[in-house]
């Protein structure tokens, strides 16, 4: 458990951190968030995270403005206070406090919540691991491009995965893969690297954005298009990406082994290239 959190411009003891019972983030999930990876004290892909945060705030008309340099100073100070060297920063902005009513007032003061957690990451090396996954129907709303805390459908699918001793649930809409409950999904077929296009059906993952840049340094052909459940199972390699998982190989989907249950060479190479960007960068 961390020692401190940052709530509405104040560092507070984590055990005493509180928000109002009529905060709209609590009552309506009227709120957006970001999860930023921290490795050796460095904030991974910070610019991409804050760009997406601005987008989510704008799309939901939450009137919270921030200075990127000032926010970074808060992050670093909180990491220091919590002795967090490797882990995550959780940031949430709610619309604010108001009597319970679906319609919101325009002059609400947003609530800011920031805290850290320690975490071990799955990085290329002798302990690099692949994971098992299951599939689940995609039950989410139609604006998945906004990183909102309205995550109940994700929770249902993720807990199905947990009960089946799987790491992640891959979501299917009309027989086609959208993404994972908290990750983007990629398949490799021959020399094609295929992932769902960044539209309102998926969240434009920050790690996904970084991978798109890395691919330009390889001979892989990037194909951004939707793919079917069958194409998923027939892929040469499959992996997921997220800020908490970086690049993680998928070795099994439901009962079907991928690449004979072994980490693929292309997946491993991409994971090495991505990790070098912050381990040695």
C-alpha atoms as a PDB file:
ATOM      1  CA  UNK A   1       0.000   0.000   0.000  1.00  0.00           C
ATOM      2  CA  UNK A   2       1.360   3.459  -0.886  1.00  0.00           C
ATOM      3  CA  UNK A   3       1.946   6.021   1.849  1.00  0.00           C
ATOM      4  CA  UNK A   4       0.488   9.019   0.036  1.00  0.00           C
ATOM      5  CA  UNK A   5      -2.062  10.020  -2.589  1.00  0.00           C
ATOM      6  CA  UNK A   6      -2.674  13.349  -4.273  1.00  0.00           C
ATOM      7  CA  UNK A   7      -6.284  14.551  -4.007  1.00  0.00           C
ATOM      8  CA  UNK A   8      -7.401  17.952  -5.311  1.00  0.00           C
ATOM      9  CA  UNK A   9      -4.051  19.747  -5.079  1.00  0.00           C
ATOM     10  CA  UNK A  10      -2.978  18.165  -1.788  1.00  0.00           C
ATOM     11  CA  UNK A  11      -0.722  15.277  -0.803  1.00  0.00           C
ATOM     12  CA  UNK A  12      -2.648  13.235   1.762  1.00  0.00           C
ATOM     13  CA  UNK A  13      -2.067  10.077   3.762  1.00  0.00           C
ATOM     14  CA  UNK A  14      -3.277   7.212   1.567  1.00  0.00           C
ATOM     15  CA  UNK A  15      -5.396   5.702   4.347  1.00  0.00           C
ATOM     16  CA  UNK A  16      -7.175   9.037   4.789  1.00  0.00           C
ATOM     17  CA  UNK A  17      -7.714   9.795   1.092  1.00  0.00           C
ATOM     18  CA  UNK A  18     -11.411  10.530   0.492  1.00  0.00           C
ATOM     19  CA  UNK A  19     -13.819  11.946  -2.074  1.00  0.00           C
ATOM     20  CA  UNK A  20     -17.350  13.288  -1.610  1.00  0.00           C
ATOM     21  CA  UNK A  21     -20.212  10.734  -1.612  1.00  0.00           C
ATOM     22  CA  UNK A  22     -21.973  12.764  -4.335  1.00  0.00           C
ATOM     23  CA  UNK A  23     -18.958  12.851  -6.616  1.00  0.00           C
ATOM     24  CA  UNK A  24     -20.215  12.059 -10.127  1.00  0.00           C
ATOM     25  CA  UNK A  25     -17.286   9.739 -10.708  1.00  0.00           C
ATOM     26  CA  UNK A  26     -18.628   7.562  -7.886  1.00  0.00           C
ATOM     27  CA  UNK A  27     -22.337   7.768  -8.719  1.00  0.00           C
ATOM     28  CA  UNK A  28     -22.294   7.811 -12.532  1.00  0.00           C
ATOM     29  CA  UNK A  29     -18.773   6.742 -13.608  1.00  0.00           C
ATOM     30  CA  UNK A  30     -18.659  10.301 -14.982  1.00  0.00           C
ATOM     31  CA  UNK A  31     -14.908  10.249 -15.044  1.00  0.00           C
ATOM     32  CA  UNK A  32     -11.797   9.474 -17.079  1.00  0.00           C
ATOM     33  CA  UNK A  33      -8.469   7.965 -16.090  1.00  0.00           C
ATOM     34  CA  UNK A  34      -4.951   7.002 -17.153  1.00  0.00           C
ATOM     35  CA  UNK A  35      -2.516   4.360 -15.929  1.00  0.00           C
ATOM     36  CA  UNK A  36       1.117   5.314 -16.523  1.00  0.00           C
ATOM     37  CA  UNK A  37       3.912   2.762 -16.234  1.00  0.00           C
ATOM     38  CA  UNK A  38       7.016   3.660 -14.236  1.00  0.00           C
ATOM     39  CA  UNK A  39      10.303   1.824 -14.777  1.00  0.00           C
ATOM     40  CA  UNK A  40      13.421   2.732 -12.794  1.00  0.00           C
ATOM     41  CA  UNK A  41      11.662   5.954 -11.855  1.00  0.00           C
ATOM     42  CA  UNK A  42      11.023   6.919 -15.480  1.00  0.00           C
ATOM     43  CA  UNK A  43       7.514   7.719 -16.716  1.00  0.00           C
ATOM     44  CA  UNK A  44       6.879   5.522 -19.775  1.00  0.00           C
ATOM     45  CA  UNK A  45       5.100   7.102 -22.771  1.00  0.00           C
ATOM     46  CA  UNK A  46       3.983  10.063 -20.648  1.00  0.00           C
ATOM     47  CA  UNK A  47       3.321  12.405 -23.588  1.00  0.00           C
ATOM     48  CA  UNK A  48       0.982   9.878 -25.227  1.00  0.00           C
ATOM     49  CA  UNK A  49      -0.900   9.362 -21.948  1.00  0.00           C
ATOM     50  CA  UNK A  50      -1.501  13.062 -21.382  1.00  0.00           C
ATOM     51  CA  UNK A  51      -2.516  13.589 -25.003  1.00  0.00           C
ATOM     52  CA  UNK A  52      -5.140  10.860 -24.592  1.00  0.00           C
ATOM     53  CA  UNK A  53      -6.240  12.328 -21.265  1.00  0.00           C
ATOM     54  CA  UNK A  54      -6.914  15.665 -22.962  1.00  0.00           C
ATOM     55  CA  UNK A  55      -8.896  13.853 -25.658  1.00  0.00           C
ATOM     56  CA  UNK A  56     -11.054  11.954 -23.134  1.00  0.00           C
ATOM     57  CA  UNK A  57     -11.741  15.123 -21.120  1.00  0.00           C
ATOM     58  CA  UNK A  58     -12.752  16.992 -24.271  1.00  0.00           C
ATOM     59  CA  UNK A  59     -15.033  14.210 -25.527  1.00  0.00           C
ATOM     60  CA  UNK A  60     -16.890  14.078 -22.202  1.00  0.00           C
ATOM     61  CA  UNK A  61     -16.887  17.865 -21.758  1.00  0.00           C
ATOM     62  CA  UNK A  62     -15.119  17.624 -18.396  1.00  0.00           C
ATOM     63  CA  UNK A  63     -13.615  21.052 -17.868  1.00  0.00           C
ATOM     64  CA  UNK A  64     -10.288  20.183 -16.316  1.00  0.00           C
ATOM     65  CA  UNK A  65      -7.191  21.953 -17.598  1.00  0.00           C
ATOM     66  CA  UNK A  66      -3.681  20.988 -16.596  1.00  0.00           C
ATOM     67  CA  UNK A  67      -0.110  22.027 -17.229  1.00  0.00           C
ATOM     68  CA  UNK A  68       1.942  19.032 -18.336  1.00  0.00           C
ATOM     69  CA  UNK A  69       5.140  20.162 -16.606  1.00  0.00           C
ATOM     70  CA  UNK A  70       3.354  20.791 -13.316  1.00  0.00           C
ATOM     71  CA  UNK A  71       1.585  17.440 -13.484  1.00  0.00           C
ATOM     72  CA  UNK A  72       4.866  15.663 -14.130  1.00  0.00           C
ATOM     73  CA  UNK A  73       6.367  17.339 -11.046  1.00  0.00           C
ATOM     74  CA  UNK A  74       3.452  16.001  -8.972  1.00  0.00           C
ATOM     75  CA  UNK A  75       3.990  12.503 -10.385  1.00  0.00           C
ATOM     76  CA  UNK A  76       7.698  12.527  -9.555  1.00  0.00           C
ATOM     77  CA  UNK A  77       7.145  13.891  -6.060  1.00  0.00           C
ATOM     78  CA  UNK A  78       4.497  11.256  -5.356  1.00  0.00           C
ATOM     79  CA  UNK A  79       6.751   8.473  -6.655  1.00  0.00           C
ATOM     80  CA  UNK A  80       9.461   9.711  -4.307  1.00  0.00           C
ATOM     81  CA  UNK A  81       7.100   9.933  -1.329  1.00  0.00           C
ATOM     82  CA  UNK A  82       5.889   6.369  -1.973  1.00  0.00           C
ATOM     83  CA  UNK A  83       9.336   4.955  -2.806  1.00  0.00           C
ATOM     84  CA  UNK A  84       7.925   3.687  -6.098  1.00  0.00           C
ATOM     85  CA  UNK A  85      10.713   2.827  -8.517  1.00  0.00           C
ATOM     86  CA  UNK A  86       8.854   0.295 -10.666  1.00  0.00           C
ATOM     87  CA  UNK A  87       5.083   0.377 -10.879  1.00  0.00           C
ATOM     88  CA  UNK A  88       2.194   2.486 -12.065  1.00  0.00           C
ATOM     89  CA  UNK A  89       0.709   5.923 -11.548  1.00  0.00           C
ATOM     90  CA  UNK A  90      -3.082   5.953 -11.469  1.00  0.00           C
ATOM     91  CA  UNK A  91      -4.706   9.276 -12.396  1.00  0.00           C
ATOM     92  CA  UNK A  92      -8.449   9.910 -12.406  1.00  0.00           C
ATOM     93  CA  UNK A  93     -10.419  13.077 -13.136  1.00  0.00           C
ATOM     94  CA  UNK A  94     -14.128  13.167 -12.316  1.00  0.00           C
ATOM     95  CA  UNK A  95     -16.608  15.828 -13.365  1.00  0.00           C
ATOM     96  CA  UNK A  96     -16.952  16.854  -9.736  1.00  0.00           C
ATOM     97  CA  UNK A  97     -19.520  16.997  -6.948  1.00  0.00           C
ATOM     98  CA  UNK A  98     -23.211  17.703  -7.488  1.00  0.00           C
ATOM     99  CA  UNK A  99     -26.564  16.590  -6.066  1.00  0.00           C
ATOM    100  CA  UNK A 100     -27.554  13.332  -7.759  1.00  0.00           C
ATOM    101  CA  UNK A 101     -28.989  14.272 -11.152  1.00  0.00           C
ATOM    102  CA  UNK A 102     -28.276  12.873 -14.609  1.00  0.00           C
ATOM    103  CA  UNK A 103     -27.956  16.378 -16.068  1.00  0.00           C
ATOM    104  CA  UNK A 104     -24.792  18.096 -14.889  1.00  0.00           C
ATOM    105  CA  UNK A 105     -24.124  21.746 -14.152  1.00  0.00           C
ATOM    106  CA  UNK A 106     -21.536  23.509 -16.294  1.00  0.00           C
ATOM    107  CA  UNK A 107     -19.495  25.080 -13.497  1.00  0.00           C
ATOM    108  CA  UNK A 108     -18.542  21.993 -11.507  1.00  0.00           C
ATOM    109  CA  UNK A 109     -15.021  21.740 -10.135  1.00  0.00           C
ATOM    110  CA  UNK A 110     -13.422  18.451 -11.288  1.00  0.00           C
ATOM    111  CA  UNK A 111     -11.986  16.045  -8.736  1.00  0.00           C
ATOM    112  CA  UNK A 112      -8.364  14.976  -9.257  1.00  0.00           C
ATOM    113  CA  UNK A 113      -7.082  11.675  -7.836  1.00  0.00           C
ATOM    114  CA  UNK A 114      -3.508  10.407  -8.216  1.00  0.00           C
ATOM    115  CA  UNK A 115      -1.718   7.548  -6.476  1.00  0.00           C
ATOM    116  CA  UNK A 116       0.988   4.974  -7.188  1.00  0.00           C
ATOM    117  CA  UNK A 117       1.393   1.214  -6.901  1.00  0.00           C
ATOM    118  CA  UNK A 118       4.466  -0.994  -7.081  1.00  0.00           C
ATOM    119  CA  UNK A 119       4.463  -3.548  -9.887  1.00  0.00           C
ATOM    120  CA  UNK A 120       6.774  -6.119 -11.466  1.00  0.00           C
ATOM    121  CA  UNK A 121       6.782  -6.054 -15.260  1.00  0.00           C
ATOM    122  CA  UNK A 122       7.009  -8.906 -17.747  1.00  0.00           C
ATOM    123  CA  UNK A 123      10.137  -7.999 -19.721  1.00  0.00           C
ATOM    124  CA  UNK A 124      12.202  -9.917 -22.302  1.00  0.00           C
ATOM    125  CA  UNK A 125      14.841 -12.121 -20.696  1.00  0.00           C
ATOM    126  CA  UNK A 126      15.057 -15.490 -18.999  1.00  0.00           C
ATOM    127  CA  UNK A 127      11.834 -14.851 -17.051  1.00  0.00           C
ATOM    128  CA  UNK A 128       9.807 -13.520 -20.011  1.00  0.00           C
ATOM    129  CA  UNK A 129       6.439 -15.270 -19.958  1.00  0.00           C
ATOM    130  CA  UNK A 130       3.520 -15.842 -22.293  1.00  0.00           C
ATOM    131  CA  UNK A 131      -0.068 -16.018 -21.093  1.00  0.00           C
ATOM    132  CA  UNK A 132      -3.319 -17.890 -21.614  1.00  0.00           C
ATOM    133  CA  UNK A 133      -6.496 -16.066 -22.629  1.00  0.00           C
ATOM    134  CA  UNK A 134     -10.187 -16.729 -23.176  1.00  0.00           C
ATOM    135  CA  UNK A 135     -12.732 -15.084 -25.455  1.00  0.00           C
ATOM    136  CA  UNK A 136     -15.861 -13.217 -24.377  1.00  0.00           C
ATOM    137  CA  UNK A 137     -18.642 -11.232 -25.996  1.00  0.00           C
ATOM    138  CA  UNK A 138     -17.941  -7.495 -26.153  1.00  0.00           C
ATOM    139  CA  UNK A 139     -20.743  -5.902 -24.099  1.00  0.00           C
ATOM    140  CA  UNK A 140     -19.341  -2.363 -23.855  1.00  0.00           C
ATOM    141  CA  UNK A 141     -20.838   0.936 -24.976  1.00  0.00           C
ATOM    142  CA  UNK A 142     -20.095   2.407 -28.409  1.00  0.00           C
ATOM    143  CA  UNK A 143     -17.512   5.049 -27.359  1.00  0.00           C
ATOM    144  CA  UNK A 144     -14.648   2.766 -26.395  1.00  0.00           C
ATOM    145  CA  UNK A 145     -12.171   5.363 -27.648  1.00  0.00           C
ATOM    146  CA  UNK A 146     -12.770   7.367 -24.462  1.00  0.00           C
ATOM    147  CA  UNK A 147     -10.857   6.078 -21.433  1.00  0.00           C
ATOM    148  CA  UNK A 148     -13.730   6.248 -18.990  1.00  0.00           C
ATOM    149  CA  UNK A 149     -14.032   4.426 -15.658  1.00  0.00           C
ATOM    150  CA  UNK A 150     -17.308   2.888 -16.861  1.00  0.00           C
ATOM    151  CA  UNK A 151     -15.717  -0.573 -16.911  1.00  0.00           C
ATOM    152  CA  UNK A 152     -18.368  -3.025 -15.653  1.00  0.00           C
ATOM    153  CA  UNK A 153     -18.494  -5.050 -18.930  1.00  0.00           C
ATOM    154  CA  UNK A 154     -14.692  -5.284 -18.816  1.00  0.00           C
ATOM    155  CA  UNK A 155     -14.875  -6.490 -15.227  1.00  0.00           C
ATOM    156  CA  UNK A 156     -17.390  -9.219 -16.119  1.00  0.00           C
ATOM    157  CA  UNK A 157     -15.163 -10.504 -18.925  1.00  0.00           C
ATOM    158  CA  UNK A 158     -11.941 -10.198 -16.908  1.00  0.00           C
ATOM    159  CA  UNK A 159     -13.419 -12.196 -14.047  1.00  0.00           C
ATOM    160  CA  UNK A 160     -14.499 -14.917 -16.449  1.00  0.00           C
ATOM    161  CA  UNK A 161     -10.853 -15.096 -17.463  1.00  0.00           C
ATOM    162  CA  UNK A 162      -9.768 -15.212 -13.816  1.00  0.00           C
ATOM    163  CA  UNK A 163     -12.131 -18.107 -13.038  1.00  0.00           C
ATOM    164  CA  UNK A 164     -10.673 -20.003 -15.994  1.00  0.00           C
ATOM    165  CA  UNK A 165      -7.124 -19.257 -14.797  1.00  0.00           C
ATOM    166  CA  UNK A 166      -6.469 -17.028 -17.805  1.00  0.00           C
ATOM    167  CA  UNK A 167      -4.595 -13.726 -17.866  1.00  0.00           C
ATOM    168  CA  UNK A 168      -6.939 -11.772 -20.148  1.00  0.00           C
ATOM    169  CA  UNK A 169     -10.272 -11.980 -21.973  1.00  0.00           C
ATOM    170  CA  UNK A 170     -10.282 -11.189 -25.694  1.00  0.00           C
ATOM    171  CA  UNK A 171     -13.505  -9.428 -26.677  1.00  0.00           C
ATOM    172  CA  UNK A 172     -15.570 -10.394 -29.727  1.00  0.00           C
ATOM    173  CA  UNK A 173     -18.171  -8.269 -31.501  1.00  0.00           C
ATOM    174  CA  UNK A 174     -20.217 -10.038 -34.190  1.00  0.00           C
ATOM    175  CA  UNK A 175     -17.532 -12.694 -34.508  1.00  0.00           C
ATOM    176  CA  UNK A 176     -14.667 -10.206 -34.847  1.00  0.00           C
ATOM    177  CA  UNK A 177     -11.959  -9.294 -32.349  1.00  0.00           C
ATOM    178  CA  UNK A 178     -12.059  -5.787 -30.918  1.00  0.00           C
ATOM    179  CA  UNK A 179      -9.501  -5.834 -28.071  1.00  0.00           C
ATOM    180  CA  UNK A 180      -8.880  -7.233 -24.593  1.00  0.00           C
ATOM    181  CA  UNK A 181     -10.551  -6.022 -21.407  1.00  0.00           C
ATOM    182  CA  UNK A 182      -7.485  -3.854 -20.718  1.00  0.00           C
ATOM    183  CA  UNK A 183      -5.267  -4.413 -23.738  1.00  0.00           C
ATOM    184  CA  UNK A 184      -4.973  -4.196 -27.509  1.00  0.00           C
ATOM    185  CA  UNK A 185      -4.691  -7.466 -29.444  1.00  0.00           C
ATOM    186  CA  UNK A 186      -2.288  -8.168 -32.324  1.00  0.00           C
ATOM    187  CA  UNK A 187      -1.896 -11.155 -34.626  1.00  0.00           C
ATOM    188  CA  UNK A 188       0.984 -12.119 -36.903  1.00  0.00           C
ATOM    189  CA  UNK A 189       0.330 -14.042 -40.115  1.00  0.00           C
ATOM    190  CA  UNK A 190       3.350 -14.600 -42.333  1.00  0.00           C
ATOM    191  CA  UNK A 191       4.953 -11.141 -42.414  1.00  0.00           C
ATOM    192  CA  UNK A 192       1.741  -9.221 -41.670  1.00  0.00           C
ATOM    193  CA  UNK A 193       1.179  -7.621 -38.286  1.00  0.00           C
ATOM    194  CA  UNK A 194      -2.566  -7.110 -37.909  1.00  0.00           C
ATOM    195  CA  UNK A 195      -4.462  -5.116 -35.302  1.00  0.00           C
ATOM    196  CA  UNK A 196      -7.868  -3.461 -35.073  1.00  0.00           C
ATOM    197  CA  UNK A 197      -7.961   0.101 -36.458  1.00  0.00           C
ATOM    198  CA  UNK A 198      -8.121   2.919 -33.921  1.00  0.00           C
ATOM    199  CA  UNK A 199     -11.791   3.882 -34.129  1.00  0.00           C
ATOM    200  CA  UNK A 200     -14.627   4.060 -31.593  1.00  0.00           C
ATOM    201  CA  UNK A 201     -14.671   0.245 -31.251  1.00  0.00           C
ATOM    202  CA  UNK A 202     -11.396   0.203 -29.292  1.00  0.00           C
ATOM    203  CA  UNK A 203      -9.300   2.292 -26.961  1.00  0.00           C
ATOM    204  CA  UNK A 204      -6.279   3.695 -28.761  1.00  0.00           C
ATOM    205  CA  UNK A 205      -3.708   2.178 -26.451  1.00  0.00           C
ATOM    206  CA  UNK A 206      -0.625   4.169 -25.543  1.00  0.00           C
ATOM    207  CA  UNK A 207       1.639   1.127 -25.920  1.00  0.00           C
ATOM    208  CA  UNK A 208      -0.117   0.468 -29.226  1.00  0.00           C
ATOM    209  CA  UNK A 209       0.914   3.949 -30.379  1.00  0.00           C
ATOM    210  CA  UNK A 210       4.544   3.248 -29.453  1.00  0.00           C
ATOM    211  CA  UNK A 211       4.498  -0.113 -31.249  1.00  0.00           C
ATOM    212  CA  UNK A 212       3.292   1.561 -34.449  1.00  0.00           C
ATOM    213  CA  UNK A 213       6.485   3.634 -34.418  1.00  0.00           C
ATOM    214  CA  UNK A 214       8.702   0.624 -33.741  1.00  0.00           C
ATOM    215  CA  UNK A 215       7.177  -1.372 -36.608  1.00  0.00           C
ATOM    216  CA  UNK A 216       8.551   1.175 -39.072  1.00  0.00           C
ATOM    217  CA  UNK A 217      12.047  -0.061 -38.171  1.00  0.00           C
ATOM    218  CA  UNK A 218      11.197  -3.655 -39.160  1.00  0.00           C
ATOM    219  CA  UNK A 219      10.264  -5.499 -42.349  1.00  0.00           C
ATOM    220  CA  UNK A 220       6.796  -6.246 -41.000  1.00  0.00           C
ATOM    221  CA  UNK A 221       3.780  -5.063 -42.961  1.00  0.00           C
ATOM    222  CA  UNK A 222       1.317  -3.277 -40.703  1.00  0.00           C
ATOM    223  CA  UNK A 223      -2.342  -3.988 -41.446  1.00  0.00           C
ATOM    224  CA  UNK A 224      -4.900  -2.062 -39.388  1.00  0.00           C
ATOM    225  CA  UNK A 225      -8.154  -3.922 -39.938  1.00  0.00           C
ATOM    226  CA  UNK A 226     -10.589  -6.020 -37.974  1.00  0.00           C
ATOM    227  CA  UNK A 227     -10.058  -9.782 -37.970  1.00  0.00           C
ATOM    228  CA  UNK A 228     -12.265 -12.738 -37.139  1.00  0.00           C
ATOM    229  CA  UNK A 229     -12.215 -15.213 -34.285  1.00  0.00           C
ATOM    230  CA  UNK A 230     -11.022 -17.859 -36.750  1.00  0.00           C
ATOM    231  CA  UNK A 231      -8.169 -15.642 -37.969  1.00  0.00           C
ATOM    232  CA  UNK A 232      -7.197 -15.088 -34.345  1.00  0.00           C
ATOM    233  CA  UNK A 233      -6.939 -18.830 -33.699  1.00  0.00           C
ATOM    234  CA  UNK A 234      -5.127 -19.480 -37.006  1.00  0.00           C
ATOM    235  CA  UNK A 235      -2.477 -16.795 -36.430  1.00  0.00           C
ATOM    236  CA  UNK A 236       1.220 -17.652 -36.383  1.00  0.00           C
ATOM    237  CA  UNK A 237       1.710 -15.505 -33.283  1.00  0.00           C
ATOM    238  CA  UNK A 238      -0.569 -13.435 -31.031  1.00  0.00           C
ATOM    239  CA  UNK A 239       0.316 -10.845 -28.417  1.00  0.00           C
ATOM    240  CA  UNK A 240      -1.328  -8.133 -26.344  1.00  0.00           C
ATOM    241  CA  UNK A 241      -0.139  -4.668 -25.427  1.00  0.00           C
ATOM    242  CA  UNK A 242      -0.952  -2.319 -22.568  1.00  0.00           C
ATOM    243  CA  UNK A 243       0.747   0.092 -20.200  1.00  0.00           C
ATOM    244  CA  UNK A 244       0.743  -2.509 -17.446  1.00  0.00           C
ATOM    245  CA  UNK A 245       1.728  -5.496 -19.586  1.00  0.00           C
ATOM    246  CA  UNK A 246       3.910  -3.838 -22.255  1.00  0.00           C
ATOM    247  CA  UNK A 247       4.164  -6.554 -24.968  1.00  0.00           C
ATOM    248  CA  UNK A 248       2.974  -9.906 -23.630  1.00  0.00           C
ATOM    249  CA  UNK A 249       2.890 -13.065 -25.813  1.00  0.00           C
ATOM    250  CA  UNK A 250      -0.378 -15.013 -25.941  1.00  0.00           C
ATOM    251  CA  UNK A 251       0.284 -18.760 -25.964  1.00  0.00           C
ATOM    252  CA  UNK A 252      -3.252 -20.101 -25.672  1.00  0.00           C
ATOM    253  CA  UNK A 253      -6.738 -18.836 -26.554  1.00  0.00           C
ATOM    254  CA  UNK A 254      -9.560 -20.838 -25.009  1.00  0.00           C
ATOM    255  CA  UNK A 255      -8.311 -24.381 -25.683  1.00  0.00           C
ATOM    256  CA  UNK A 256      -6.240 -23.562 -28.782  1.00  0.00           C
ATOM    257  CA  UNK A 257      -2.455 -23.277 -28.499  1.00  0.00           C
ATOM    258  CA  UNK A 258      -0.775 -20.523 -30.523  1.00  0.00           C
ATOM    259  CA  UNK A 259       2.626 -21.315 -32.077  1.00  0.00           C
ATOM    260  CA  UNK A 260       2.558 -24.671 -30.256  1.00  0.00           C
ATOM    261  CA  UNK A 261       2.349 -22.823 -26.958  1.00  0.00           C
ATOM    262  CA  UNK A 262       5.710 -21.081 -27.409  1.00  0.00           C
ATOM    263  CA  UNK A 263       6.736 -17.425 -27.586  1.00  0.00           C
ATOM    264  CA  UNK A 264       7.138 -16.434 -31.241  1.00  0.00           C
ATOM    265  CA  UNK A 265      10.334 -14.930 -32.622  1.00  0.00           C
ATOM    266  CA  UNK A 266       8.625 -11.816 -33.996  1.00  0.00           C
ATOM    267  CA  UNK A 267       6.798 -11.134 -30.741  1.00  0.00           C
ATOM    268  CA  UNK A 268      10.039 -11.515 -28.808  1.00  0.00           C
ATOM    269  CA  UNK A 269      11.882  -9.160 -31.152  1.00  0.00           C
ATOM    270  CA  UNK A 270       9.196  -6.476 -30.857  1.00  0.00           C
ATOM    271  CA  UNK A 271       9.189  -6.834 -27.064  1.00  0.00           C
ATOM    272  CA  UNK A 272      12.963  -6.389 -26.997  1.00  0.00           C
ATOM    273  CA  UNK A 273      12.772  -3.313 -29.228  1.00  0.00           C
ATOM    274  CA  UNK A 274      10.050  -1.730 -27.110  1.00  0.00           C
ATOM    275  CA  UNK A 275      11.742  -2.411 -23.764  1.00  0.00           C
ATOM    276  CA  UNK A 276      15.040  -0.958 -25.030  1.00  0.00           C
ATOM    277  CA  UNK A 277      13.249   2.347 -25.587  1.00  0.00           C
ATOM    278  CA  UNK A 278      12.963   2.887 -21.824  1.00  0.00           C
ATOM    279  CA  UNK A 279      15.510   0.506 -20.277  1.00  0.00           C
ATOM    280  CA  UNK A 280      18.416   1.915 -22.255  1.00  0.00           C
ATOM    281  CA  UNK A 281      16.762   5.069 -23.617  1.00  0.00           C
END
